[in-house]
PDB file of N, CA and C in Angstrom:
ATOM      1  N   UNK A   1     -22.646  -0.029  11.824  1.00  0.00           N
ATOM      2  CA  UNK A   1     -22.055  -0.684  10.663  1.00  0.00           C
ATOM      3  C   UNK A   1     -20.698  -0.067  10.327  1.00  0.00           C
ATOM      4  N   UNK A   2     -20.612   1.259  10.408  1.00  0.00           N
ATOM      5  CA  UNK A   2     -19.360   1.937  10.094  1.00  0.00           C
ATOM      6  C   UNK A   2     -18.272   1.555  11.095  1.00  0.00           C
ATOM      7  N   UNK A   3     -18.642   1.408  12.369  1.00  0.00           N
ATOM      8  CA  UNK A   3     -17.657   1.024  13.387  1.00  0.00           C
ATOM      9  C   UNK A   3     -17.128  -0.376  13.126  1.00  0.00           C
ATOM     10  N   UNK A   4     -17.987  -1.269  12.640  1.00  0.00           N
ATOM     11  CA  UNK A   4     -17.558  -2.624  12.319  1.00  0.00           C
ATOM     12  C   UNK A   4     -16.546  -2.610  11.178  1.00  0.00           C
ATOM     13  N   UNK A   5     -16.768  -1.762  10.177  1.00  0.00           N
ATOM     14  CA  UNK A   5     -15.835  -1.642   9.055  1.00  0.00           C
ATOM     15  C   UNK A   5     -14.502  -1.076   9.529  1.00  0.00           C
ATOM     16  N   UNK A   6     -14.542  -0.095  10.425  1.00  0.00           N
ATOM     17  CA  UNK A   6     -13.318   0.498  10.951  1.00  0.00           C
ATOM     18  C   UNK A   6     -12.526  -0.550  11.716  1.00  0.00           C
ATOM     19  N   UNK A   7     -13.191  -1.361  12.528  1.00  0.00           N
ATOM     20  CA  UNK A   7     -12.508  -2.405  13.283  1.00  0.00           C
ATOM     21  C   UNK A   7     -11.870  -3.435  12.353  1.00  0.00           C
ATOM     22  N   UNK A   8     -12.561  -3.819  11.277  1.00  0.00           N
ATOM     23  CA  UNK A   8     -11.996  -4.775  10.331  1.00  0.00           C
ATOM     24  C   UNK A   8     -10.773  -4.183   9.634  1.00  0.00           C
ATOM     25  N   UNK A   9     -10.834  -2.903   9.279  1.00  0.00           N
ATOM     26  CA  UNK A   9      -9.694  -2.240   8.664  1.00  0.00           C
ATOM     27  C   UNK A   9      -8.512  -2.178   9.633  1.00  0.00           C
ATOM     28  N   UNK A  10      -8.817  -1.926  10.912  1.00  0.00           N
ATOM     29  CA  UNK A  10      -7.775  -1.869  11.929  1.00  0.00           C
ATOM     30  C   UNK A  10      -7.096  -3.230  12.090  1.00  0.00           C
ATOM     31  N   UNK A  11      -7.878  -4.282  12.110  1.00  0.00           N
ATOM     32  CA  UNK A  11      -7.316  -5.627  12.232  1.00  0.00           C
ATOM     33  C   UNK A  11      -6.439  -5.938  11.022  1.00  0.00           C
ATOM     34  N   UNK A  12      -6.909  -5.615   9.836  1.00  0.00           N
ATOM     35  CA  UNK A  12      -6.137  -5.876   8.623  1.00  0.00           C
ATOM     36  C   UNK A  12      -4.819  -5.103   8.652  1.00  0.00           C
ATOM     37  N   UNK A  13      -4.868  -3.832   9.032  1.00  0.00           N
ATOM     38  CA  UNK A  13      -3.644  -3.024   9.109  1.00  0.00           C
ATOM     39  C   UNK A  13      -2.664  -3.599  10.120  1.00  0.00           C
ATOM     40  N   UNK A  14      -3.167  -4.033  11.262  1.00  0.00           N
ATOM     41  CA  UNK A  14      -2.293  -4.593  12.291  1.00  0.00           C
ATOM     42  C   UNK A  14      -1.704  -5.929  11.850  1.00  0.00           C
ATOM     43  N   UNK A  15      -2.484  -6.748  11.186  1.00  0.00           N
ATOM     44  CA  UNK A  15      -1.963  -8.034  10.692  1.00  0.00           C
ATOM     45  C   UNK A  15      -0.889  -7.801   9.625  1.00  0.00           C
ATOM     46  N   UNK A  16      -1.117  -6.855   8.741  1.00  0.00           N
ATOM     47  CA  UNK A  16      -0.122  -6.545   7.712  1.00  0.00           C
ATOM     48  C   UNK A  16       1.144  -5.959   8.341  1.00  0.00           C
ATOM     49  N   UNK A  17       0.983  -5.138   9.369  1.00  0.00           N
ATOM     50  CA  UNK A  17       2.150  -4.593  10.066  1.00  0.00           C
ATOM     51  C   UNK A  17       2.935  -5.711  10.743  1.00  0.00           C
ATOM     52  N   UNK A  18       2.235  -6.683  11.291  1.00  0.00           N
ATOM     53  CA  UNK A  18       2.902  -7.829  11.913  1.00  0.00           C
ATOM     54  C   UNK A  18       3.674  -8.635  10.871  1.00  0.00           C
ATOM     55  N   UNK A  19       3.083  -8.841   9.716  1.00  0.00           N
ATOM     56  CA  UNK A  19       3.778  -9.571   8.649  1.00  0.00           C
ATOM     57  C   UNK A  19       5.007  -8.804   8.180  1.00  0.00           C
ATOM     58  N   UNK A  20       4.901  -7.483   8.065  1.00  0.00           N
ATOM     59  CA  UNK A  20       6.067  -6.680   7.676  1.00  0.00           C
ATOM     60  C   UNK A  20       7.165  -6.772   8.726  1.00  0.00           C
ATOM     61  N   UNK A  21       6.788  -6.813   9.988  1.00  0.00           N
ATOM     62  CA  UNK A  21       7.776  -6.925  11.061  1.00  0.00           C
ATOM     63  C   UNK A  21       8.484  -8.266  11.003  1.00  0.00           C
ATOM     64  N   UNK A  22       7.751  -9.326  10.750  1.00  0.00           N
ATOM     65  CA  UNK A  22       8.359 -10.656  10.625  1.00  0.00           C
ATOM     66  C   UNK A  22       9.310 -10.683   9.434  1.00  0.00           C
ATOM     67  N   UNK A  23       8.885 -10.121   8.318  1.00  0.00           N
ATOM     68  CA  UNK A  23       9.752 -10.084   7.127  1.00  0.00           C
ATOM     69  C   UNK A  23      10.993  -9.221   7.362  1.00  0.00           C
ATOM     70  N   UNK A  24      10.840  -8.131   8.091  1.00  0.00           N
ATOM     71  CA  UNK A  24      12.000  -7.284   8.401  1.00  0.00           C
ATOM     72  C   UNK A  24      12.980  -8.032   9.287  1.00  0.00           C
ATOM     73  N   UNK A  25      12.472  -8.824  10.223  1.00  0.00           N
ATOM     74  CA  UNK A  25      13.339  -9.630  11.084  1.00  0.00           C
ATOM     75  C   UNK A  25      14.108 -10.657  10.248  1.00  0.00           C
ATOM     76  N   UNK A  26      13.430 -11.297   9.315  1.00  0.00           N
ATOM     77  CA  UNK A  26      14.096 -12.267   8.447  1.00  0.00           C
ATOM     78  C   UNK A  26      15.135 -11.586   7.561  1.00  0.00           C
ATOM     79  N   UNK A  27      14.801 -10.419   7.054  1.00  0.00           N
ATOM     80  CA  UNK A  27      15.730  -9.675   6.207  1.00  0.00           C
ATOM     81  C   UNK A  27      16.980  -9.272   6.984  1.00  0.00           C
ATOM     82  N   UNK A  28      16.795  -8.869   8.232  1.00  0.00           N
ATOM     83  CA  UNK A  28      17.931  -8.504   9.072  1.00  0.00           C
ATOM     84  C   UNK A  28      18.820  -9.709   9.317  1.00  0.00           C
ATOM     85  N   UNK A  29      18.214 -10.878   9.559  1.00  0.00           N
ATOM     86  CA  UNK A  29      19.018 -12.086   9.745  1.00  0.00           C
ATOM     87  C   UNK A  29      19.818 -12.407   8.487  1.00  0.00           C
ATOM     88  N   UNK A  30      19.198 -12.272   7.334  1.00  0.00           N
ATOM     89  CA  UNK A  30      19.910 -12.546   6.088  1.00  0.00           C
ATOM     90  C   UNK A  30      21.053 -11.554   5.866  1.00  0.00           C
ATOM     91  N   UNK A  31      20.891 -10.315   6.315  1.00  0.00           N
ATOM     92  CA  UNK A  31      21.981  -9.336   6.210  1.00  0.00           C
ATOM     93  C   UNK A  31      23.148  -9.746   7.109  1.00  0.00           C
ATOM     94  N   UNK A  32      22.845 -10.222   8.315  1.00  0.00           N
ATOM     95  CA  UNK A  32      23.904 -10.731   9.193  1.00  0.00           C
ATOM     96  C   UNK A  32      24.598 -11.926   8.548  1.00  0.00           C
ATOM     97  N   UNK A  33      23.822 -12.820   7.959  1.00  0.00           N
ATOM     98  CA  UNK A  33      24.387 -14.001   7.313  1.00  0.00           C
ATOM     99  C   UNK A  33      25.279 -13.609   6.141  1.00  0.00           C
ATOM    100  N   UNK A  34      24.829 -12.662   5.335  1.00  0.00           N
ATOM    101  CA  UNK A  34      25.618 -12.203   4.194  1.00  0.00           C
ATOM    102  C   UNK A  34      26.943 -11.597   4.654  1.00  0.00           C
ATOM    103  N   UNK A  35      26.886 -10.750   5.669  1.00  0.00           N
ATOM    104  CA  UNK A  35      28.103 -10.128   6.188  1.00  0.00           C
ATOM    105  C   UNK A  35      29.047 -11.169   6.757  1.00  0.00           C
ATOM    106  N   UNK A  36      28.489 -12.145   7.446  1.00  0.00           N
ATOM    107  CA  UNK A  36      29.298 -13.232   7.992  1.00  0.00           C
ATOM    108  C   UNK A  36      29.987 -14.013   6.883  1.00  0.00           C
ATOM    109  N   UNK A  37      29.278 -14.266   5.817  1.00  0.00           N
ATOM    110  CA  UNK A  37      29.874 -15.008   4.691  1.00  0.00           C
ATOM    111  C   UNK A  37      30.972 -14.181   4.015  1.00  0.00           C
ATOM    112  N   UNK A  38      30.787 -12.866   3.920  1.00  0.00           N
ATOM    113  CA  UNK A  38      31.831 -12.007   3.353  1.00  0.00           C
ATOM    114  C   UNK A  38      33.119 -12.100   4.165  1.00  0.00           C
ATOM    115  N   UNK A  39      32.981 -12.043   5.488  1.00  0.00           N
ATOM    116  CA  UNK A  39      34.161 -12.153   6.338  1.00  0.00           C
ATOM    117  C   UNK A  39      34.810 -13.532   6.195  1.00  0.00           C
ATOM    118  N   UNK A  40      33.999 -14.575   6.102  1.00  0.00           N
ATOM    119  CA  UNK A  40      34.532 -15.925   5.969  1.00  0.00           C
ATOM    120  C   UNK A  40      35.285 -16.079   4.642  1.00  0.00           C
ATOM    121  N   UNK A  41      34.701 -15.595   3.565  1.00  0.00           N
ATOM    122  CA  UNK A  41      35.349 -15.659   2.254  1.00  0.00           C
ATOM    123  C   UNK A  41      36.630 -14.821   2.251  1.00  0.00           C
ATOM    124  N   UNK A  42      36.616 -13.678   2.921  1.00  0.00           N
ATOM    125  CA  UNK A  42      37.824 -12.861   3.017  1.00  0.00           C
ATOM    126  C   UNK A  42      38.924 -13.628   3.738  1.00  0.00           C
ATOM    127  N   UNK A  43      38.558 -14.366   4.789  1.00  0.00           N
ATOM    128  CA  UNK A  43      39.551 -15.171   5.500  1.00  0.00           C
ATOM    129  C   UNK A  43      40.092 -16.295   4.646  1.00  0.00           C
ATOM    130  N   UNK A  44      39.236 -16.900   3.838  1.00  0.00           N
ATOM    131  CA  UNK A  44      39.685 -17.997   2.979  1.00  0.00           C
ATOM    132  C   UNK A  44      40.590 -17.517   1.854  1.00  0.00           C
ATOM    133  N   UNK A  45      40.314 -16.370   1.313  1.00  0.00           N
ATOM    134  CA  UNK A  45      41.031 -15.934   0.114  1.00  0.00           C
ATOM    135  C   UNK A  45      42.201 -14.996   0.394  1.00  0.00           C
ATOM    136  N   UNK A  46      42.424 -14.639   1.638  1.00  0.00           N
ATOM    137  CA  UNK A  46      43.466 -13.661   1.944  1.00  0.00           C
ATOM    138  C   UNK A  46      44.861 -14.176   1.583  1.00  0.00           C
ATOM    139  N   UNK A  47      45.152 -15.419   1.919  1.00  0.00           N
ATOM    140  CA  UNK A  47      46.491 -15.955   1.672  1.00  0.00           C
ATOM    141  C   UNK A  47      46.794 -16.071   0.176  1.00  0.00           C
ATOM    142  N   UNK A  48      45.790 -16.419  -0.619  1.00  0.00           N
ATOM    143  CA  UNK A  48      46.030 -16.578  -2.054  1.00  0.00           C
ATOM    144  C   UNK A  48      46.116 -15.233  -2.775  1.00  0.00           C
ATOM    145  N   UNK A  49      45.431 -14.218  -2.258  1.00  0.00           N
ATOM    146  CA  UNK A  49      45.441 -12.911  -2.919  1.00  0.00           C
ATOM    147  C   UNK A  49      46.655 -12.072  -2.540  1.00  0.00           C
ATOM    148  N   UNK A  50      46.992 -12.080  -1.269  1.00  0.00           N
ATOM    149  CA  UNK A  50      48.079 -11.231  -0.787  1.00  0.00           C
ATOM    150  C   UNK A  50      49.169 -12.094  -0.169  1.00  0.00           C
ATOM    151  N   UNK A  51      50.373 -11.778  -0.431  1.00  0.00           N
ATOM    152  CA  UNK A  51      51.503 -12.486   0.170  1.00  0.00           C
ATOM    153  C   UNK A  51      52.010 -11.649   1.349  1.00  0.00           C
ATOM    154  N   UNK A  52      51.374 -11.831   2.498  1.00  0.00           N
ATOM    155  CA  UNK A  52      51.719 -11.090   3.709  1.00  0.00           C
ATOM    156  C   UNK A  52      52.347 -12.082   4.686  1.00  0.00           C
ATOM    157  N   UNK A  53      53.316 -11.607   5.458  1.00  0.00           N
ATOM    158  CA  UNK A  53      54.020 -12.490   6.388  1.00  0.00           C
ATOM    159  C   UNK A  53      53.098 -13.065   7.456  1.00  0.00           C
ATOM    160  N   UNK A  54      52.286 -12.243   8.066  1.00  0.00           N
ATOM    161  CA  UNK A  54      51.410 -12.702   9.148  1.00  0.00           C
ATOM    162  C   UNK A  54      49.974 -12.871   8.669  1.00  0.00           C
ATOM    163  N   UNK A  55      49.799 -13.415   7.492  1.00  0.00           N
ATOM    164  CA  UNK A  55      48.440 -13.573   6.966  1.00  0.00           C
ATOM    165  C   UNK A  55      47.628 -14.571   7.783  1.00  0.00           C
ATOM    166  N   UNK A  56      48.307 -15.504   8.453  1.00  0.00           N
ATOM    167  CA  UNK A  56      47.601 -16.486   9.288  1.00  0.00           C
ATOM    168  C   UNK A  56      46.791 -15.796  10.386  1.00  0.00           C
ATOM    169  N   UNK A  57      47.384 -14.800  11.028  1.00  0.00           N
ATOM    170  CA  UNK A  57      46.683 -14.078  12.097  1.00  0.00           C
ATOM    171  C   UNK A  57      45.497 -13.281  11.534  1.00  0.00           C
ATOM    172  N   UNK A  58      45.692 -12.677  10.395  1.00  0.00           N
ATOM    173  CA  UNK A  58      44.614 -11.895   9.782  1.00  0.00           C
ATOM    174  C   UNK A  58      43.477 -12.816   9.340  1.00  0.00           C
ATOM    175  N   UNK A  59      43.833 -13.988   8.800  1.00  0.00           N
ATOM    176  CA  UNK A  59      42.806 -14.965   8.418  1.00  0.00           C
ATOM    177  C   UNK A  59      41.987 -15.369   9.628  1.00  0.00           C
ATOM    178  N   UNK A  60      42.636 -15.666  10.740  1.00  0.00           N
ATOM    179  CA  UNK A  60      41.904 -16.064  11.937  1.00  0.00           C
ATOM    180  C   UNK A  60      41.033 -14.922  12.460  1.00  0.00           C
ATOM    181  N   UNK A  61      41.499 -13.694  12.307  1.00  0.00           N
ATOM    182  CA  UNK A  61      40.667 -12.562  12.681  1.00  0.00           C
ATOM    183  C   UNK A  61      39.373 -12.556  11.868  1.00  0.00           C
ATOM    184  N   UNK A  62      39.492 -12.781  10.559  1.00  0.00           N
ATOM    185  CA  UNK A  62      38.294 -12.816   9.707  1.00  0.00           C
ATOM    186  C   UNK A  62      37.391 -13.995  10.054  1.00  0.00           C
ATOM    187  N   UNK A  63      37.970 -15.160  10.342  1.00  0.00           N
ATOM    188  CA  UNK A  63      37.159 -16.327  10.702  1.00  0.00           C
ATOM    189  C   UNK A  63      36.417 -16.103  12.021  1.00  0.00           C
ATOM    190  N   UNK A  64      37.127 -15.596  13.012  1.00  0.00           N
ATOM    191  CA  UNK A  64      36.487 -15.336  14.312  1.00  0.00           C
ATOM    192  C   UNK A  64      35.416 -14.267  14.170  1.00  0.00           C
ATOM    193  N   UNK A  65      35.706 -13.231  13.400  1.00  0.00           N
ATOM    194  CA  UNK A  65      34.700 -12.191  13.169  1.00  0.00           C
ATOM    195  C   UNK A  65      33.478 -12.757  12.458  1.00  0.00           C
ATOM    196  N   UNK A  66      33.715 -13.643  11.504  1.00  0.00           N
ATOM    197  CA  UNK A  66      32.619 -14.260  10.770  1.00  0.00           C
ATOM    198  C   UNK A  66      31.700 -15.045  11.698  1.00  0.00           C
ATOM    199  N   UNK A  67      32.289 -15.868  12.549  1.00  0.00           N
ATOM    200  CA  UNK A  67      31.473 -16.664  13.467  1.00  0.00           C
ATOM    201  C   UNK A  67      30.793 -15.792  14.515  1.00  0.00           C
ATOM    202  N   UNK A  68      31.465 -14.729  14.948  1.00  0.00           N
ATOM    203  CA  UNK A  68      30.846 -13.812  15.912  1.00  0.00           C
ATOM    204  C   UNK A  68      29.645 -13.089  15.289  1.00  0.00           C
ATOM    205  N   UNK A  69      29.799 -12.613  14.073  1.00  0.00           N
ATOM    206  CA  UNK A  69      28.697 -11.922  13.395  1.00  0.00           C
ATOM    207  C   UNK A  69      27.531 -12.879  13.164  1.00  0.00           C
ATOM    208  N   UNK A  70      27.842 -14.113  12.775  1.00  0.00           N
ATOM    209  CA  UNK A  70      26.782 -15.095  12.578  1.00  0.00           C
ATOM    210  C   UNK A  70      26.062 -15.399  13.898  1.00  0.00           C
ATOM    211  N   UNK A  71      26.832 -15.556  14.967  1.00  0.00           N
ATOM    212  CA  UNK A  71      26.226 -15.816  16.279  1.00  0.00           C
ATOM    213  C   UNK A  71      25.345 -14.676  16.745  1.00  0.00           C
ATOM    214  N   UNK A  72      25.814 -13.453  16.555  1.00  0.00           N
ATOM    215  CA  UNK A  72      25.018 -12.281  16.933  1.00  0.00           C
ATOM    216  C   UNK A  72      23.745 -12.227  16.094  1.00  0.00           C
ATOM    217  N   UNK A  73      23.858 -12.561  14.805  1.00  0.00           N
ATOM    218  CA  UNK A  73      22.684 -12.558  13.932  1.00  0.00           C
ATOM    219  C   UNK A  73      21.640 -13.576  14.354  1.00  0.00           C
ATOM    220  N   UNK A  74      22.095 -14.789  14.702  1.00  0.00           N
ATOM    221  CA  UNK A  74      21.162 -15.836  15.151  1.00  0.00           C
ATOM    222  C   UNK A  74      20.504 -15.419  16.460  1.00  0.00           C
ATOM    223  N   UNK A  75      21.309 -14.908  17.403  1.00  0.00           N
ATOM    224  CA  UNK A  75      20.764 -14.451  18.683  1.00  0.00           C
ATOM    225  C   UNK A  75      19.742 -13.337  18.471  1.00  0.00           C
ATOM    226  N   UNK A  76      20.085 -12.366  17.641  1.00  0.00           N
ATOM    227  CA  UNK A  76      19.202 -11.242  17.348  1.00  0.00           C
ATOM    228  C   UNK A  76      17.890 -11.724  16.713  1.00  0.00           C
ATOM    229  N   UNK A  77      17.990 -12.665  15.769  1.00  0.00           N
ATOM    230  CA  UNK A  77      16.801 -13.175  15.089  1.00  0.00           C
ATOM    231  C   UNK A  77      15.837 -13.829  16.077  1.00  0.00           C
ATOM    232  N   UNK A  78      16.359 -14.735  16.903  1.00  0.00           N
ATOM    233  CA  UNK A  78      15.474 -15.445  17.823  1.00  0.00           C
ATOM    234  C   UNK A  78      14.958 -14.544  18.941  1.00  0.00           C
ATOM    235  N   UNK A  79      15.755 -13.562  19.363  1.00  0.00           N
ATOM    236  CA  UNK A  79      15.287 -12.620  20.378  1.00  0.00           C
ATOM    237  C   UNK A  79      14.106 -11.816  19.840  1.00  0.00           C
ATOM    238  N   UNK A  80      14.245 -11.304  18.614  1.00  0.00           N
ATOM    239  CA  UNK A  80      13.153 -10.513  18.041  1.00  0.00           C
ATOM    240  C   UNK A  80      11.961 -11.382  17.659  1.00  0.00           C
ATOM    241  N   UNK A  81      12.220 -12.613  17.234  1.00  0.00           N
ATOM    242  CA  UNK A  81      11.109 -13.522  16.921  1.00  0.00           C
ATOM    243  C   UNK A  81      10.278 -13.781  18.167  1.00  0.00           C
ATOM    244  N   UNK A  82      10.942 -13.972  19.301  1.00  0.00           N
ATOM    245  CA  UNK A  82      10.231 -14.188  20.562  1.00  0.00           C
ATOM    246  C   UNK A  82       9.435 -12.945  20.948  1.00  0.00           C
ATOM    247  N   UNK A  83      10.041 -11.759  20.781  1.00  0.00           N
ATOM    248  CA  UNK A  83       9.333 -10.523  21.108  1.00  0.00           C
ATOM    249  C   UNK A  83       8.106 -10.340  20.219  1.00  0.00           C
ATOM    250  N   UNK A  84       8.241 -10.651  18.943  1.00  0.00           N
ATOM    251  CA  UNK A  84       7.111 -10.524  18.016  1.00  0.00           C
ATOM    252  C   UNK A  84       6.002 -11.487  18.417  1.00  0.00           C
ATOM    253  N   UNK A  85       6.375 -12.721  18.751  1.00  0.00           N
ATOM    254  CA  UNK A  85       5.376 -13.720  19.138  1.00  0.00           C
ATOM    255  C   UNK A  85       4.666 -13.314  20.426  1.00  0.00           C
ATOM    256  N   UNK A  86       5.418 -12.778  21.400  1.00  0.00           N
ATOM    257  CA  UNK A  86       4.805 -12.348  22.663  1.00  0.00           C
ATOM    258  C   UNK A  86       3.868 -11.162  22.468  1.00  0.00           C
ATOM    259  N   UNK A  87       4.197 -10.274  21.543  1.00  0.00           N
ATOM    260  CA  UNK A  87       3.364  -9.091  21.318  1.00  0.00           C
ATOM    261  C   UNK A  87       2.233  -9.346  20.325  1.00  0.00           C
ATOM    262  N   UNK A  88       2.259 -10.493  19.667  1.00  0.00           N
ATOM    263  CA  UNK A  88       1.213 -10.799  18.696  1.00  0.00           C
ATOM    264  C   UNK A  88      -0.148 -10.908  19.368  1.00  0.00           C
ATOM    265  N   UNK A  89      -0.180 -11.344  20.615  1.00  0.00           N
ATOM    266  CA  UNK A  89      -1.461 -11.477  21.304  1.00  0.00           C
ATOM    267  C   UNK A  89      -2.129 -10.128  21.547  1.00  0.00           C
ATOM    268  N   UNK A  90      -1.352  -9.046  21.520  1.00  0.00           N
ATOM    269  CA  UNK A  90      -1.906  -7.710  21.732  1.00  0.00           C
ATOM    270  C   UNK A  90      -2.358  -7.051  20.435  1.00  0.00           C
ATOM    271  N   UNK A  91      -2.048  -7.673  19.321  1.00  0.00           N
ATOM    272  CA  UNK A  91      -2.344  -7.065  18.029  1.00  0.00           C
ATOM    273  C   UNK A  91      -3.600  -7.684  17.441  1.00  0.00           C
ATOM    274  N   UNK A  92      -4.555  -6.850  17.107  1.00  0.00           N
ATOM    275  CA  UNK A  92      -5.753  -7.301  16.417  1.00  0.00           C
ATOM    276  C   UNK A  92      -6.617  -8.240  17.221  1.00  0.00           C
ATOM    277  N   UNK A  93      -6.673  -8.041  18.515  1.00  0.00           N
ATOM    278  CA  UNK A  93      -7.477  -8.926  19.351  1.00  0.00           C
ATOM    279  C   UNK A  93      -8.879  -8.347  19.518  1.00  0.00           C
ATOM    280  N   UNK A  94      -9.497  -8.061  18.384  1.00  0.00           N
ATOM    281  CA  UNK A  94     -10.824  -7.448  18.405  1.00  0.00           C
ATOM    282  C   UNK A  94     -11.911  -8.418  17.953  1.00  0.00           C
ATOM    283  N   UNK A  95     -11.576  -9.676  17.762  1.00  0.00           N
ATOM    284  CA  UNK A  95     -12.547 -10.654  17.276  1.00  0.00           C
ATOM    285  C   UNK A  95     -13.713 -10.781  18.255  1.00  0.00           C
ATOM    286  N   UNK A  96     -13.422 -10.757  19.540  1.00  0.00           N
ATOM    287  CA  UNK A  96     -14.503 -10.862  20.530  1.00  0.00           C
ATOM    288  C   UNK A  96     -15.424  -9.650  20.435  1.00  0.00           C
ATOM    289  N   UNK A  97     -14.890  -8.493  20.102  1.00  0.00           N
ATOM    290  CA  UNK A  97     -15.736  -7.312  19.949  1.00  0.00           C
ATOM    291  C   UNK A  97     -16.662  -7.480  18.762  1.00  0.00           C
ATOM    292  N   UNK A  98     -16.204  -8.169  17.692  1.00  0.00           N
ATOM    293  CA  UNK A  98     -17.084  -8.429  16.537  1.00  0.00           C
ATOM    294  C   UNK A  98     -18.234  -9.307  16.936  1.00  0.00           C
ATOM    295  N   UNK A  99     -17.925 -10.345  17.682  1.00  0.00           N
ATOM    296  CA  UNK A  99     -18.964 -11.301  18.060  1.00  0.00           C
ATOM    297  C   UNK A  99     -19.999 -10.680  18.984  1.00  0.00           C
ATOM    298  N   UNK A 100     -19.573  -9.722  19.805  1.00  0.00           N
ATOM    299  CA  UNK A 100     -20.496  -9.090  20.729  1.00  0.00           C
ATOM    300  C   UNK A 100     -21.411  -8.085  20.049  1.00  0.00           C
ATOM    301  N   UNK A 101     -20.996  -7.527  18.917  1.00  0.00           N
ATOM    302  CA  UNK A 101     -21.781  -6.492  18.239  1.00  0.00           C
ATOM    303  C   UNK A 101     -22.836  -7.062  17.364  1.00  0.00           C
TER     304      UNK A 101
END
């Protein structure tokens, strides 16, 4: 009976760890998105805030950086989502052990 309780606790801990990992992945994507938006807003507002001769080049630098950061964030999110999904089958796969006991 005690072993059955330990196995149930182990499954619960692993499921909660999986949920935390999914939430951490989403949080990381949102951080990439936020940073990307900061760069985009900086590119939009640079000309109105500062009167610089070559502000066009600096604006394009911010726009390109914004899209690059967003692209890296999307790639990172889906790469880790796939890894989490592939490893989910190894987590908490003790249901058959319950049925056998």
